[in-house]
Structures are given as C-alpha cells and as structure tokens.
Protein backbone atom coordinates (compact mmCIF):
# COMPACT_ATOMS: atom_id res chain seq x y z
CA UNK A 1 21.43 -6.93 7.96
CA UNK A 2 20.62 -10.51 6.86
CA UNK A 3 18.34 -11.29 4.03
CA UNK A 4 15.85 -12.74 6.43
CA UNK A 5 15.73 -9.63 8.58
CA UNK A 6 15.01 -7.48 5.61
CA UNK A 7 12.33 -9.99 4.41
CA UNK A 8 10.73 -9.80 7.66
CA UNK A 9 10.44 -6.18 7.46
CA UNK A 10 8.48 -6.62 4.16
CA UNK A 11 6.81 -9.46 4.10
CA UNK A 12 3.73 -7.43 5.50
CA UNK A 13 3.17 -6.44 1.90
CA UNK A 14 4.20 -2.47 2.61
CA UNK A 15 7.55 -2.60 0.80
CA UNK A 16 6.75 -4.72 -2.23
CA UNK A 17 6.07 -4.32 -5.48
CA UNK A 18 5.50 -5.42 -9.37
CA UNK A 19 6.91 -7.26 -12.16
CA UNK A 20 6.14 -5.82 -15.92
CA UNK A 21 4.83 -8.55 -17.89
CA UNK A 22 3.57 -8.62 -21.20
CA UNK A 23 -0.05 -7.87 -19.93
CA UNK A 24 1.21 -5.06 -18.12
CA UNK A 25 2.71 -3.58 -21.24
CA UNK A 26 -0.63 -4.20 -23.35
CA UNK A 27 -2.38 -2.18 -20.97
CA UNK A 28 -0.15 0.78 -20.34
CA UNK A 29 -1.40 2.79 -23.12
CA UNK A 30 -4.77 2.56 -21.45
CA UNK A 31 -3.51 4.33 -18.22
CA UNK A 32 -4.53 8.39 -17.74
CA UNK A 33 -1.84 10.68 -17.42
CA UNK A 34 -1.42 12.29 -14.14
CA UNK A 35 -2.77 15.71 -15.53
CA UNK A 36 -5.95 13.99 -16.84
CA UNK A 37 -9.45 13.59 -15.33
CA UNK A 38 -10.46 10.07 -15.48
CA UNK A 39 -13.79 9.50 -16.45
CA UNK A 40 -14.97 7.55 -13.87
CA UNK A 41 -18.44 5.95 -13.87
CA UNK A 42 -21.51 7.38 -12.33
CA UNK A 43 -21.06 4.66 -9.28
CA UNK A 44 -17.64 5.73 -8.50
CA UNK A 45 -16.76 5.76 -4.74
CA UNK A 46 -16.11 9.41 -3.37
CA UNK A 47 -12.36 8.98 -2.39
CA UNK A 48 -9.36 11.63 -0.82
CA UNK A 49 -6.92 10.48 -3.66
CA UNK A 50 -6.72 11.13 -7.52
CA UNK A 51 -5.01 10.28 -10.50
CA UNK A 52 -1.42 12.13 -10.11
CA UNK A 53 -1.09 12.13 -6.33
CA UNK A 54 1.91 11.32 -5.25
CA UNK A 55 3.69 11.26 -2.00
CA UNK A 56 7.08 10.88 -1.26
CA UNK A 57 8.95 9.75 1.84
CA UNK A 58 12.94 9.59 3.39
CA UNK A 59 13.61 6.02 4.70
CA UNK A 60 15.28 5.62 7.64
CA UNK A 61 16.97 2.77 9.82
CA UNK A 62 17.02 3.77 13.09
CA UNK A 63 18.38 7.57 12.67
CA UNK A 64 20.11 6.93 9.45
CA UNK A 65 18.59 7.45 6.21
CA UNK A 66 18.63 4.52 3.83
CA UNK A 67 16.42 5.22 1.02
CA UNK A 68 13.48 6.62 -0.33
CA UNK A 69 9.90 5.97 -0.66
CA UNK A 70 6.80 6.91 -2.66
CA UNK A 71 2.70 6.06 -3.14
CA UNK A 72 1.02 7.48 -6.08
CA UNK A 73 -2.05 6.83 -7.87
CA UNK A 74 -1.15 6.28 -11.84
CA UNK A 75 -4.37 6.05 -13.35
CA UNK A 76 -7.71 4.10 -13.98
CA UNK A 77 -7.54 1.41 -16.51
CA UNK A 78 -9.77 -1.40 -17.57
CA UNK A 79 -9.51 -4.27 -15.88
CA UNK A 80 -11.54 -7.40 -16.99
CA UNK A 81 -14.33 -4.47 -18.02
CA UNK A 82 -14.27 -2.71 -14.70
CA UNK A 83 -12.19 0.71 -13.94
CA UNK A 84 -9.69 0.31 -11.56
CA UNK A 85 -7.61 2.64 -9.52
CA UNK A 86 -3.91 1.50 -10.39
CA UNK A 87 -1.57 2.52 -7.51
CA UNK A 88 2.25 2.36 -7.04
CA UNK A 89 4.16 1.73 -3.61
CA UNK A 90 7.86 1.70 -3.91
CA UNK A 91 10.96 1.85 -1.33
CA UNK A 92 14.69 1.99 -2.59
CA UNK A 93 17.54 1.81 -0.39
CA UNK A 94 20.87 0.14 0.82
CA UNK A 95 23.05 -0.70 3.29
CA UNK A 96 26.70 -1.75 3.21
CA UNK A 97 26.63 -5.16 0.94
CA UNK A 98 22.64 -4.87 0.49
CA UNK A 99 20.39 -3.29 -1.72
CA UNK A 100 16.83 -3.23 -1.70
CA UNK A 101 14.48 -2.01 -4.73
CA UNK A 102 10.80 -3.37 -4.07
CA UNK A 103 7.59 -2.41 -5.86
CA UNK A 104 3.82 -2.99 -4.85
CA UNK A 105 1.51 -2.59 -7.48
CA UNK A 106 -2.55 -2.82 -7.08
CA UNK A 107 -5.51 -2.44 -9.24
CA UNK A 108 -8.80 -1.78 -7.56
CA UNK A 109 -12.02 -1.08 -8.67
CA UNK A 110 -13.54 2.28 -8.23
CA UNK A 111 -17.02 1.50 -7.08
CA UNK A 112 -16.14 -1.04 -4.57
CA UNK A 113 -12.34 -0.57 -3.91
CA UNK A 114 -12.41 -4.35 -4.51
CA UNK A 115 -8.71 -5.93 -5.63
CA UNK A 116 -8.84 -7.24 -9.05
CA UNK A 117 -4.88 -7.32 -9.86
CA UNK A 118 -1.79 -7.41 -7.53
CA UNK A 119 1.78 -7.60 -8.37
CA UNK A 120 4.91 -7.75 -6.53
CA UNK A 121 8.48 -7.39 -7.36
CA UNK A 122 10.76 -8.01 -4.72
CA UNK A 123 14.31 -7.35 -4.75
CA UNK A 124 16.58 -7.82 -1.69
CA UNK A 125 20.05 -8.65 -2.43
CA UNK A 126 19.80 -12.00 -3.72
CA UNK A 127 16.39 -12.65 -2.95
CA UNK A 128 14.34 -11.59 -6.05
CA UNK A 129 10.98 -13.30 -6.21
CA UNK A 130 8.03 -12.05 -8.31
CA UNK A 131 4.58 -12.90 -7.48
CA UNK A 132 1.51 -12.10 -9.82
CA UNK A 133 -1.95 -12.28 -8.29
CA UNK A 134 -5.42 -12.06 -10.26
CA UNK A 135 -8.33 -11.69 -8.22
CA UNK A 136 -11.88 -12.65 -9.71
CA UNK A 137 -14.58 -11.21 -6.60
CA UNK A 138 -17.05 -12.12 -9.09
CA UNK A 139 -16.57 -15.98 -8.50
CA UNK A 140 -14.73 -15.41 -5.27
CA UNK A 141 -11.22 -17.05 -6.36
CA UNK A 142 -7.64 -15.59 -7.08
CA UNK A 143 -4.68 -17.03 -8.64
CA UNK A 144 -0.99 -16.50 -7.94
CA UNK A 145 1.32 -16.54 -11.12
CA UNK A 146 0.31 -19.79 -12.72
CA UNK A 147 -0.87 -21.79 -9.81
CA UNK A 148 -4.33 -23.40 -9.45
CA UNK A 149 -6.99 -20.84 -8.38
CA UNK A 150 -7.94 -20.44 -4.55
CA UNK A 151 -10.78 -19.24 -2.91
CA UNK A 152 -10.92 -15.89 -1.65
CA UNK A 153 -13.04 -13.68 0.75
CA UNK A 154 -16.08 -11.44 -0.22
CA UNK A 155 -15.01 -8.01 -1.41
CA UNK A 156 -11.08 -8.81 -1.39
CA UNK A 157 -8.21 -6.12 -0.89
CA UNK A 158 -4.66 -6.87 -1.17
CA UNK A 159 -1.78 -4.85 0.75
CA UNK A 160 -1.46 -1.90 -1.54
CA UNK A 161 -5.34 -1.44 -1.82
CA UNK A 162 -5.81 -1.57 2.03
CA UNK A 163 -3.63 1.44 2.55
CA UNK A 164 -6.16 3.30 0.16
CA UNK A 165 -9.32 1.79 1.76
CA UNK A 166 -8.35 2.72 5.11
CA UNK A 167 -8.33 6.38 3.90
CA UNK A 168 -11.90 6.33 2.93
CA UNK A 169 -13.39 5.22 6.66
CA UNK A 170 -14.11 7.18 9.54
CA UNK A 171 -11.03 7.19 12.21
CA UNK A 172 -12.49 7.57 15.38
CA UNK A 173 -9.86 7.99 18.28
CA UNK A 174 -10.51 5.01 20.77
CA UNK A 175 -12.26 2.65 18.36
CA UNK A 176 -10.91 -0.73 16.65
CA UNK A 177 -12.08 -1.75 13.22
CA UNK A 178 -11.80 -5.15 12.16
CA UNK A 179 -11.88 -6.29 8.32
CA UNK A 180 -12.19 -9.87 6.94
CA UNK A 181 -11.38 -8.39 3.39
CA UNK A 182 -7.77 -9.45 2.90
CA UNK A 183 -7.55 -11.52 -0.31
CA UNK A 184 -5.79 -14.30 1.48
CA UNK A 185 -8.44 -15.79 4.39
CA UNK A 186 -5.61 -16.75 6.40
CA UNK A 187 -4.60 -13.69 6.95
CA UNK A 188 -8.06 -12.69 8.12
CA UNK A 189 -8.91 -10.44 10.30
CA UNK A 190 -7.22 -7.03 9.81
CA UNK A 191 -7.59 -4.67 12.75
CA UNK A 192 -6.94 -0.78 12.65
CA UNK A 193 -6.80 0.71 15.85
CA UNK A 194 -7.39 4.44 16.22
CA UNK A 195 -4.97 5.33 19.18
CA UNK A 196 -4.68 9.09 19.31
CA UNK A 197 -4.22 12.59 17.84
CA UNK A 198 -1.02 14.10 17.41
CA UNK A 199 0.45 17.08 15.85
CA UNK A 200 3.94 15.96 14.12
CA UNK A 201 6.55 17.76 12.22
CA UNK A 202 8.09 15.88 8.79
CA UNK A 203 10.15 17.14 6.03
CA UNK A 204 7.22 18.07 4.31
CA UNK A 205 5.88 20.14 7.03
CA UNK A 206 3.81 20.27 10.20
CA UNK A 207 0.74 18.00 10.23
CA UNK A 208 -2.55 17.24 12.42
CA UNK A 209 -2.92 13.68 12.41
CA UNK A 210 -4.48 10.49 13.78
CA UNK A 211 -2.25 7.83 14.71
CA UNK A 212 -3.35 4.28 13.73
CA UNK A 213 -2.05 0.74 15.02
CA UNK A 214 -2.60 -1.79 12.10
CA UNK A 215 -2.35 -5.46 12.78
CA UNK A 216 -2.30 -8.30 10.24
CA UNK A 217 -2.43 -11.88 11.16
CA UNK A 218 0.75 -12.70 9.69
CA UNK A 219 4.46 -11.85 9.80
CA UNK A 220 6.10 -8.85 9.19
CA UNK A 221 5.96 -5.23 9.52
CA UNK A 222 2.06 -5.30 10.83
CA UNK A 223 2.35 -8.56 12.35
CA UNK A 224 0.11 -9.09 15.87
CA UNK A 225 3.41 -9.03 17.91
CA UNK A 226 4.73 -5.98 15.94
CA UNK A 227 4.29 -2.28 17.14
CA UNK A 228 3.77 -0.46 14.05
CA UNK A 229 2.17 3.18 14.11
CA UNK A 230 0.83 4.86 10.92
CA UNK A 231 0.38 8.70 11.10
CA UNK A 232 -2.49 9.91 8.75
CA UNK A 233 -3.32 13.69 8.28
CA UNK A 234 -6.66 14.64 10.15
CA UNK A 235 -8.11 16.02 7.31
CA UNK A 236 -10.11 15.39 4.19
CA UNK A 237 -6.90 14.00 2.09
CA UNK A 238 -5.74 11.35 4.89
CA UNK A 239 -2.47 11.06 3.74
CA UNK A 240 0.02 8.76 5.31
CA UNK A 241 2.24 11.31 6.84
CA UNK A 242 4.63 8.92 8.70
CA UNK A 243 5.21 5.32 9.71
CA UNK A 244 7.40 3.64 12.40
CA UNK A 245 7.88 -0.02 13.37
CA UNK A 246 9.83 -1.23 16.55
CA UNK A 247 11.30 -4.31 15.67
CA UNK A 248 13.90 -6.23 17.40
CA UNK A 249 16.77 -5.41 15.28
CA UNK A 250 15.63 -1.57 15.43
CA UNK A 251 13.03 1.06 14.16
CA UNK A 252 12.11 1.51 10.42
CA UNK A 253 10.72 4.56 9.76
CA UNK A 254 9.01 6.78 6.62
CA UNK A 255 9.08 10.39 7.17
CA UNK A 256 6.72 12.41 4.47
CA UNK A 257 8.94 14.91 2.35
CA UNK A 258 6.74 15.99 -0.27
CA UNK A 259 3.21 15.46 -1.66
CA UNK A 260 0.49 17.33 -3.92
CA UNK A 261 -2.52 18.29 -2.81
CA UNK A 262 -5.01 18.48 -5.84
CA UNK A 263 -5.18 16.81 -9.43
CA UNK A 264 -2.59 18.30 -11.41
CA UNK A 265 -0.44 20.09 -9.01
C-alpha cells in the first residue's frame, strides 16, 4: 500500500493523533486518574462516556488483521479556565514495508462539548506530520501550529470530539442530521444519516446497534464519495462497536474486541 493510499484513509481525522509538546507535559499532572471521579461543574452536560472509558478494536484491511485501535477518555484537565474532556483515539498497524502509528487527541468543554484543543501525530511510513490546533471559541478563531489565526465556526468540534458528540444526540432511524460545527468552515456541513438497526457479532460479543453513515465535505474515510458505516450500540452507552469503509482499494474495518461499561471497571 502506498503512502498516498494510507494518507487518504487517515485524512478524515479518524486515525490521526497527538504529539507531546512541553505544554502537554506541564498539563499532565492535572489529568484525572481513570479510577477517579472528576469534579465536574454543575452545568456539565450529561454524557454517556466517563473518565476511564476505554474501547479496544481489531483493525482489518479486508479480511486480514493489520493492527489495533483504541478510544479512551483520559481525564478532565483545565484548558484556559474550562474543564475539558481529554480523549485519545489511536491506531497502530503494519503491512509489509509499511508501518502506521497514528494518534488523535482532543480536549473539549464538559458543558458545551466545544473543542478547545486538538492535536495530531501521524506516522505513516516516512510521512510524519504533526499538527497542533488551539481553538478559541469565545472569539471565533483557531490557530494551527505557529501559523496566523483563522476564523472558526460557533461551537466548533474537531475530528475526535465529533465522535463523542454524536453519542449524545438522538439517533432516529430514517433521519439525517446536519451540523455546521466542524472547526474548519470549509468542511461543513457534516451529515449523519441513520440508516437502520442491526444486531451484530464482534470479538467483544453481540450488540444491538444503530447504523450511521457520516459524511464530511473533505477527502478521506468519511468523504462524500465514500461509503463508510459506523455501528453504534443501541443503548445508553452509545459506544462505537464497528466501523467499515468501502474504498477503491478494499475495505478498512474496525471491530470492538473489549470495553468497560462503567467508571473504574
């Protein structure tokens, strides 16, 4: 598989991640331990996830297992005066002569789910870009690395926080939801179509699910020309159970292999 091919799979932001700059190291002491219940403000939004939640996946290209993935909630640090969920999505894997080790890390407000920080750390063969975003929703701007600030949208979301935001909304079969909240205005709107209910089997067990078709106005896994589907558990937890994307070169699939269902489990 070429670098361009894997880059196309990952450009949607689902399989990207975070470097660890000095600011990260300075903040790490404020992160809650997974077994600790964070002190959330009174106006914190009620959500189905919690500090310590961890979902682990088998990653397959077609029928061949090529690696592992995970989604986890690491803590609730303070980001410029606001308690913020700190989440990590990671995928690692390899095929002959090619290695992928990508991370996506997000910090978003516990009361509004508005993104406040978003980091990417991509390692795909010799392609190793790092992108650090700081978002300032109070004044409608965002900054990438050390570049000049650019305008963002009201109540912005990034690639990672969108995955958690979707878990908080009603998912009624037959409906399509449209959001203009992606932090880069050029990629809006993001559409979520709820296509059916389905019971599926994964390495983690059998799940009743709601099947979604997400679409971003950008290239990649969730592009308008793609056929990605995401299976979300049809219960209060709303965890991502399975993901499949049909591409011209084959199918990229994630299957849940383990999860915890309550804080501290």
